[in-house]
Protein backbone atom coordinates (compact mmCIF):
# COMPACT_ATOMS: atom_id res chain seq x y z
CA MET A 1 25.67 229.84 21.67
CA SER A 2 22.20 228.43 21.09
CA THR A 3 21.54 224.88 22.25
CA GLU A 4 18.72 224.38 19.79
CA VAL A 5 18.75 220.94 18.22
CA LEU A 6 18.00 220.95 14.47
CA VAL A 7 17.18 217.84 12.45
CA THR A 8 16.46 217.94 8.75
CA ARG A 9 13.05 216.73 7.65
CA TYR A 10 14.79 214.12 5.50
CA ASP A 11 16.84 212.75 8.44
CA TYR A 12 13.74 212.82 10.64
CA SER A 13 11.77 210.82 8.09
CA MET A 14 14.54 208.26 7.60
CA ILE A 15 15.21 207.87 11.34
CA ASN A 16 11.52 207.68 12.19
CA SER A 17 11.04 204.93 9.57
CA MET A 18 14.05 203.05 10.97
CA ILE A 19 12.69 203.30 14.52
CA LEU A 20 9.24 202.05 13.46
CA GLU A 21 10.83 199.16 11.55
CA LEU A 22 13.02 198.14 14.50
CA LEU A 23 10.48 198.82 17.22
CA ASP A 24 9.67 195.48 18.74
CA SER A 25 9.52 194.67 22.43
CA SER A 26 12.09 191.90 21.91
CA ASN A 27 14.57 194.21 20.15
CA PRO A 28 17.75 194.42 22.28
CA ASN A 29 18.17 198.07 21.19
CA LEU A 30 14.80 199.15 22.59
CA PRO A 31 16.28 201.65 25.12
CA GLU A 32 18.43 203.22 22.38
CA LEU A 33 15.47 203.38 19.98
CA ASN A 34 13.36 205.09 22.64
CA ARG A 35 16.14 207.59 23.45
CA LEU A 36 16.61 208.43 19.77
CA ASN A 37 12.86 208.75 19.27
CA ILE A 38 12.66 211.27 22.13
CA GLU A 39 15.62 213.22 20.73
CA ILE A 40 14.18 213.60 17.23
CA LYS A 41 10.70 214.44 18.55
CA GLN A 42 12.16 217.30 20.64
CA ALA A 43 14.29 218.69 17.80
CA ARG A 44 13.20 221.50 15.52
CA LEU A 45 12.69 220.18 12.00
CA ILE A 46 14.22 222.15 9.16
CA ASP A 47 14.29 221.88 5.39
CA PRO A 48 17.57 220.19 4.35
CA LYS A 49 18.35 223.10 2.03
CA ARG A 50 18.14 225.54 4.96
CA ILE A 51 20.32 223.80 7.56
CA THR A 52 23.66 225.53 8.00
CA LYS A 53 26.89 223.60 7.51
CA ASP A 54 27.81 223.80 11.21
CA TYR A 55 25.12 221.29 12.31
CA VAL A 56 25.61 217.53 12.56
CA THR A 57 23.27 215.64 10.25
CA MET A 58 23.22 211.99 9.26
CA ASN A 59 26.38 210.95 7.37
CA SER A 60 28.28 213.98 8.65
CA ILE A 61 31.96 213.57 9.46
CA VAL A 62 32.81 215.38 12.67
CA LYS A 63 35.89 216.01 14.76
CA VAL A 64 35.11 215.74 18.45
CA SER A 65 37.13 216.05 21.62
CA PHE A 66 36.60 214.54 25.03
CA PRO A 67 37.69 217.16 27.61
CA ASP A 68 38.01 214.60 30.42
CA THR A 69 40.65 212.60 28.53
CA GLY A 70 42.04 215.06 25.99
CA ILE A 71 41.30 212.57 23.20
CA THR A 72 40.20 213.89 19.81
CA ARG A 73 38.45 211.65 17.27
CA THR A 74 37.05 212.00 13.78
CA LEU A 75 33.75 210.13 13.40
CA LYS A 76 31.08 209.60 10.78
CA LEU A 77 27.46 209.48 12.00
CA VAL A 78 25.68 206.61 10.21
CA TYR A 79 22.64 204.35 10.37
CA PRO A 80 23.10 201.15 12.42
CA GLN A 81 23.58 198.87 9.39
CA CYS A 82 26.55 201.00 8.24
CA ALA A 83 28.26 201.28 11.63
CA GLU A 84 31.87 200.07 11.68
CA ILE A 85 33.88 201.17 14.69
CA ARG A 86 37.22 200.29 13.04
CA GLU A 87 36.36 202.79 10.30
CA SER A 88 35.16 205.36 12.89
CA LYS A 89 31.56 205.05 11.65
CA ILE A 90 29.27 205.33 14.67
CA SER A 91 25.61 204.44 14.77
CA VAL A 92 22.99 207.05 15.48
CA LEU A 93 21.66 204.46 17.97
CA SER A 94 24.86 204.63 20.03
CA PRO A 95 24.84 207.02 23.00
CA LEU A 96 27.43 209.27 21.34
CA GLY A 97 25.76 209.10 17.91
CA CYS A 98 22.39 210.04 19.35
CA ALA A 99 24.01 212.86 21.33
CA LEU A 100 25.70 214.35 18.25
CA LEU A 101 22.70 214.43 15.92
CA GLY A 102 21.30 217.93 15.51
CA TYR A 103 23.97 219.76 17.49
CA ARG A 104 26.43 222.26 16.06
CA LYS A 105 30.12 223.03 15.96
CA GLY A 106 31.40 224.38 19.26
CA GLN A 107 28.73 222.79 21.43
CA LYS A 108 29.56 220.78 24.52
CA ILE A 109 27.25 217.79 24.93
CA THR A 110 26.83 215.51 27.92
CA PHE A 111 25.54 211.99 27.37
CA THR A 112 25.42 208.69 29.25
CA ALA A 113 27.30 205.62 28.04
CA ALA A 114 27.70 202.39 29.97
CA GLY A 115 26.13 204.09 32.99
CA ASN A 116 28.71 206.88 33.05
CA SER A 117 28.22 210.54 32.20
CA LYS A 118 30.56 211.69 29.44
CA THR A 119 31.16 215.04 27.76
CA VAL A 120 32.12 215.70 24.17
CA ILE A 121 32.77 218.93 22.26
CA ILE A 122 32.04 219.20 18.55
CA GLU A 123 35.28 220.77 17.33
CA GLU A 124 34.64 220.77 13.60
CA ILE A 125 32.27 219.48 10.94
CA LEU A 126 34.55 218.15 8.23
CA PHE A 127 31.74 217.03 5.93
CA GLN A 128 27.98 217.53 5.97
CA PRO A 129 25.92 216.00 3.14
CA GLU A 130 23.50 218.92 2.89
CA ALA A 131 26.34 221.44 2.58
CA ASN A 132 27.55 219.36 -0.37
CA GLY A 133 24.18 219.07 -2.10
CA LEU A 134 23.44 215.55 -0.83
CA ASP A 135 20.58 214.07 1.28
CA LEU A 136 18.26 216.87 0.22
CA GLU A 137 15.19 214.80 -0.67
């Protein structure tokens, strides 16, 4: 399976604007902003109408599993202002959120959180805005 990371042009534009707005040397999320900036700059940009429904885009709802623990979770990837852990809405600035963006169903992703390496598998994409005619600007 390809490990190519795809980000829609719309998501790229929105995330890039968010990063530029939040980019300030006193911002406590500076490391996360830098990590996300690197991720989106390395991704291949694609027209939102052309991305297949098996890729994680912003506002996607995904089912993931953590092989080390056997835990499975359903999460929604959102912008920081919409994050609400009790509602399983994770920020794209979080280590896991950043790791999920642009990857596809079936992929195993390793990321670092709280200084520890963690692995997650994207089991299923339950909802993707683009596949439902949304976020296509």
